[in-house]
Amino acid sequence: MIEMNIDSIRVSLMNYQRVVILKEKIDEISGDKGDARYLPIWIGPAEADAIAVKLQDVPLARPLTHDLLHSVIMALGASVNYILVNELRNDTFYAKIILNVDGEQLEIDSRPSDAIALAVRVKPSVPIYVEESVLDKASIVLDQETGKPVPPSKPGGKPKGKSKVDEQELKKLSAFYDFINTLDLEDFDKRKS
C-alpha cells in the first residue's frame, strides 16, 4: 500500500468528465524527491463537488450524503482508519473503507470517489492508500522538464512496483492515457497557495 494525497480535482475540457488526481506522498524525512506517481480516477460530478466543497471549506446549510455517512459512523461508535483503492478491473476502480468498530477492523466496499469524499470529512484526516498493483496499471509520472505525462514505454514511466502490466491491459488503459492527455496539466505539479 502506497500513501497518497489529493492533488486536485480537474475537468476535461473535451467532455466535462471529472477526475480526482491522487499524488504519491513523498517521504519528506528522507528527502526523497523521486518521481512521484499520480493516479487519476474518473468520478461523477456529485462526488467531485462533495470532495471539493470539503477541501475548500465551503459552508453548507444542510449536510451532504457523505456528511451523513460520517455522522452515522461516528454515532455508532466507529471510526474511519483509512481508505484503500485496492483494485482496477475492466477500467473500474474499487476501494474499501477501513473502519475500527469496537477494536476490530471492518472493511466496507466502496467506490473510490465516495471513500475519498468520506475521508476528507474525518478529522484528523485519515490516510488514503492505493495498492501497488493499481499504481502499476494506471499511474502516470510527469516529465520533470515539460510537465507532460511520460508514456509507460519510456524510461521513467515504468512502474515502481514489481508486478508487470500485460499488453492487453495496456491496450485497455490507452484510452485512459489519452484522456489524461486532454487535461490541462500545465500547473499540475505546482504547489497551491
Protein backbone atom coordinates (compact mmCIF):
# COMPACT_ATOMS: atom_id res chain seq x y z
CA MET A 1 0.00 0.00 0.00
CA ILE A 2 1.26 3.41 -1.01
CA GLU A 3 0.02 6.54 0.77
CA MET A 4 -1.41 9.22 -1.49
CA ASN A 5 -2.59 12.82 -1.13
CA ILE A 6 -5.36 14.52 -3.06
CA ASP A 7 -3.55 16.68 -5.59
CA SER A 8 -6.54 18.19 -7.36
CA ILE A 9 -9.91 17.70 -8.98
CA ARG A 10 -9.98 18.50 -12.67
CA VAL A 11 -12.47 18.68 -15.51
CA SER A 12 -11.68 17.57 -19.04
CA LEU A 13 -12.45 20.38 -21.48
CA MET A 14 -13.26 17.77 -24.14
CA ASN A 15 -16.16 16.02 -22.39
CA TYR A 16 -16.51 17.70 -18.97
CA GLN A 17 -15.66 14.43 -17.21
CA ARG A 18 -14.35 14.94 -13.66
CA VAL A 19 -11.19 13.33 -12.39
CA VAL A 20 -9.70 13.32 -8.90
CA ILE A 21 -5.93 13.16 -9.03
CA LEU A 22 -4.08 11.45 -6.21
CA LYS A 23 -0.35 12.08 -5.80
CA GLU A 24 2.11 9.70 -4.20
CA LYS A 25 3.16 11.02 -0.81
CA ILE A 26 6.89 11.73 -0.90
CA ASP A 27 8.99 10.79 2.11
CA GLU A 28 9.83 14.23 3.50
CA ILE A 29 12.03 12.86 6.28
CA SER A 30 14.48 11.10 3.96
CA GLY A 31 14.28 13.93 1.45
CA ASP A 32 13.41 11.52 -1.37
CA LYS A 33 12.31 13.73 -4.23
CA GLY A 34 11.95 10.91 -6.74
CA ASP A 35 9.34 10.88 -9.46
CA ALA A 36 6.02 10.94 -7.68
CA ARG A 37 3.30 8.94 -9.33
CA TYR A 38 -0.12 10.42 -9.97
CA LEU A 39 -3.29 8.38 -10.08
CA PRO A 40 -6.22 9.94 -11.96
CA ILE A 41 -9.60 8.41 -11.12
CA TRP A 42 -12.75 9.34 -13.04
CA ILE A 43 -15.55 10.42 -10.73
CA GLY A 44 -19.08 11.75 -11.07
CA PRO A 45 -19.96 15.43 -10.77
CA ALA A 46 -21.79 14.99 -7.44
CA GLU A 47 -18.79 13.23 -5.86
CA ALA A 48 -16.39 15.81 -7.32
CA ASP A 49 -18.48 18.57 -5.76
CA ALA A 50 -18.66 16.71 -2.43
CA ILE A 51 -14.86 16.43 -2.30
CA ALA A 52 -14.22 19.99 -3.50
CA VAL A 53 -16.73 21.54 -1.07
CA LYS A 54 -14.94 19.99 1.89
CA LEU A 55 -11.41 20.70 0.63
CA GLN A 56 -12.33 24.36 0.16
CA ASP A 57 -14.25 24.56 3.48
CA VAL A 58 -17.40 25.84 1.79
CA PRO A 59 -20.13 26.13 4.42
CA LEU A 60 -23.41 24.36 3.57
CA ALA A 61 -26.80 24.84 5.19
CA ARG A 62 -27.60 21.11 5.07
CA PRO A 63 -25.32 18.05 5.22
CA LEU A 64 -24.43 16.21 2.03
CA THR A 65 -24.70 12.42 1.79
CA HIS A 66 -21.04 11.96 2.77
CA ASP A 67 -21.55 14.19 5.82
CA LEU A 68 -24.48 11.99 6.78
CA LEU A 69 -22.37 8.84 6.33
CA HIS A 70 -19.66 10.31 8.56
CA SER A 71 -22.22 11.26 11.21
CA VAL A 72 -23.74 7.76 11.19
CA ILE A 73 -20.32 6.12 11.54
CA MET A 74 -19.47 8.38 14.49
CA ALA A 75 -22.91 7.93 16.14
CA LEU A 76 -22.44 4.15 16.03
CA GLY A 77 -19.13 4.47 17.89
CA ALA A 78 -16.96 3.52 14.92
CA SER A 79 -14.10 5.44 13.36
CA VAL A 80 -12.53 5.53 9.91
CA ASN A 81 -8.96 4.18 9.97
CA TYR A 82 -8.10 4.69 6.30
CA ILE A 83 -9.35 4.18 2.79
CA LEU A 84 -7.76 1.91 0.22
CA VAL A 85 -8.08 1.94 -3.56
CA ASN A 86 -7.45 -1.77 -3.89
CA GLU A 87 -8.27 -2.81 -7.42
CA LEU A 88 -8.60 -1.77 -11.06
CA ARG A 89 -10.64 -4.22 -13.09
CA ASN A 90 -12.22 -3.64 -16.51
CA ASP A 91 -11.41 0.08 -16.33
CA THR A 92 -13.22 0.39 -12.99
CA PHE A 93 -11.53 1.34 -9.73
CA TYR A 94 -12.57 -0.35 -6.49
CA ALA A 95 -11.99 0.82 -2.93
CA LYS A 96 -12.56 -0.12 0.68
CA ILE A 97 -13.30 1.99 3.72
CA ILE A 98 -11.49 0.51 6.73
CA LEU A 99 -13.39 1.12 9.96
CA ASN A 100 -12.49 0.49 13.58
CA VAL A 101 -15.57 -0.96 15.30
CA ASP A 102 -15.18 -1.94 18.96
CA GLY A 103 -11.46 -2.58 18.49
CA GLU A 104 -11.95 -4.71 15.37
CA GLN A 105 -11.22 -3.77 11.79
CA LEU A 106 -14.12 -3.85 9.34
CA GLU A 107 -13.77 -3.46 5.55
CA ILE A 108 -16.62 -1.84 3.62
CA ASP A 109 -16.72 -1.94 -0.20
CA SER A 110 -16.92 1.50 -1.77
CA ARG A 111 -16.40 3.47 -4.91
CA PRO A 112 -13.13 5.42 -4.62
CA SER A 113 -14.96 8.72 -5.06
CA ASP A 114 -17.27 8.02 -2.11
CA ALA A 115 -14.40 6.78 0.05
CA ILE A 116 -12.37 9.92 -0.72
CA ALA A 117 -15.39 12.17 -0.06
CA LEU A 118 -15.75 10.47 3.33
CA ALA A 119 -12.02 10.65 4.08
CA VAL A 120 -11.87 14.44 3.65
CA ARG A 121 -14.62 14.79 6.25
CA VAL A 122 -12.81 12.90 9.00
CA LYS A 123 -10.77 14.97 11.44
CA PRO A 124 -7.92 14.36 11.95
CA SER A 125 -7.65 13.34 8.33
CA VAL A 126 -7.34 9.66 7.50
CA PRO A 127 -4.75 8.29 5.09
CA ILE A 128 -5.63 7.40 1.52
CA TYR A 129 -3.75 4.33 0.27
CA VAL A 130 -3.51 2.72 -3.14
CA GLU A 131 -2.34 -0.82 -3.81
CA GLU A 132 0.92 -1.02 -5.73
CA SER A 133 -0.76 -3.18 -8.42
CA VAL A 134 -3.27 -0.37 -9.12
CA LEU A 135 -0.47 2.18 -9.42
CA ASP A 136 1.39 -0.18 -11.75
CA LYS A 137 -1.62 -0.26 -14.05
CA ALA A 138 -2.88 3.30 -14.02
CA SER A 139 -0.43 5.79 -12.51
CA ILE A 140 1.39 8.41 -14.51
CA VAL A 141 4.70 10.15 -13.94
CA LEU A 142 5.30 13.68 -15.15
CA ASP A 143 8.35 14.61 -17.17
CA GLN A 144 10.45 16.95 -14.98
CA GLU A 145 11.18 19.32 -17.87
CA THR A 146 7.87 19.50 -19.75
CA GLY A 147 5.35 18.67 -17.06
CA LYS A 148 3.66 16.30 -19.52
CA PRO A 149 2.82 12.68 -18.70
CA VAL A 150 5.57 10.20 -19.52
CA PRO A 151 4.22 7.32 -21.62
CA PRO A 152 4.57 3.94 -19.85
CA SER A 153 7.00 2.67 -22.52
CA LYS A 154 9.53 5.48 -21.98
CA PRO A 155 12.26 5.43 -19.31
CA GLY A 156 10.98 6.95 -16.11
CA GLY A 157 7.41 5.99 -16.99
CA LYS A 158 7.84 2.43 -15.82
CA PRO A 159 6.02 1.37 -12.69
CA LYS A 160 7.98 1.28 -9.44
CA GLY A 161 6.30 -1.93 -8.34
CA LYS A 162 7.32 -5.49 -9.09
CA SER A 163 4.23 -6.62 -10.98
CA LYS A 164 4.10 -6.19 -14.74
CA VAL A 165 1.17 -4.95 -16.75
CA ASP A 166 0.42 -7.21 -19.69
CA GLU A 167 -0.05 -5.95 -23.25
CA GLN A 168 -3.83 -6.45 -23.18
CA GLU A 169 -4.19 -4.29 -20.06
CA LEU A 170 -2.00 -1.60 -21.61
CA LYS A 171 -4.30 -1.52 -24.65
CA LYS A 172 -7.34 -1.12 -22.38
CA LEU A 173 -5.62 1.66 -20.48
CA SER A 174 -4.59 3.52 -23.64
CA ALA A 175 -7.98 5.30 -23.71
CA PHE A 176 -7.36 6.25 -20.10
CA TYR A 177 -3.93 7.64 -21.02
CA ASP A 178 -5.44 9.53 -23.98
CA PHE A 179 -7.96 11.10 -21.61
CA ILE A 180 -5.18 12.28 -19.30
CA ASN A 181 -3.52 13.96 -22.26
CA THR A 182 -6.69 16.05 -22.83
CA LEU A 183 -6.42 17.57 -19.34
CA ASP A 184 -4.73 20.92 -18.83
CA LEU A 185 -1.70 19.76 -16.83
CA GLU A 186 0.38 22.92 -17.10
CA ASP A 187 0.15 23.71 -13.39
CA PHE A 188 -0.20 20.06 -12.35
CA ASP A 189 2.91 19.78 -10.16
CA LYS A 190 2.92 23.31 -8.77
CA ARG A 191 2.13 23.96 -5.12
CA LYS A 192 -1.23 25.50 -4.42
CA SER A 193 -1.37 28.55 -2.16
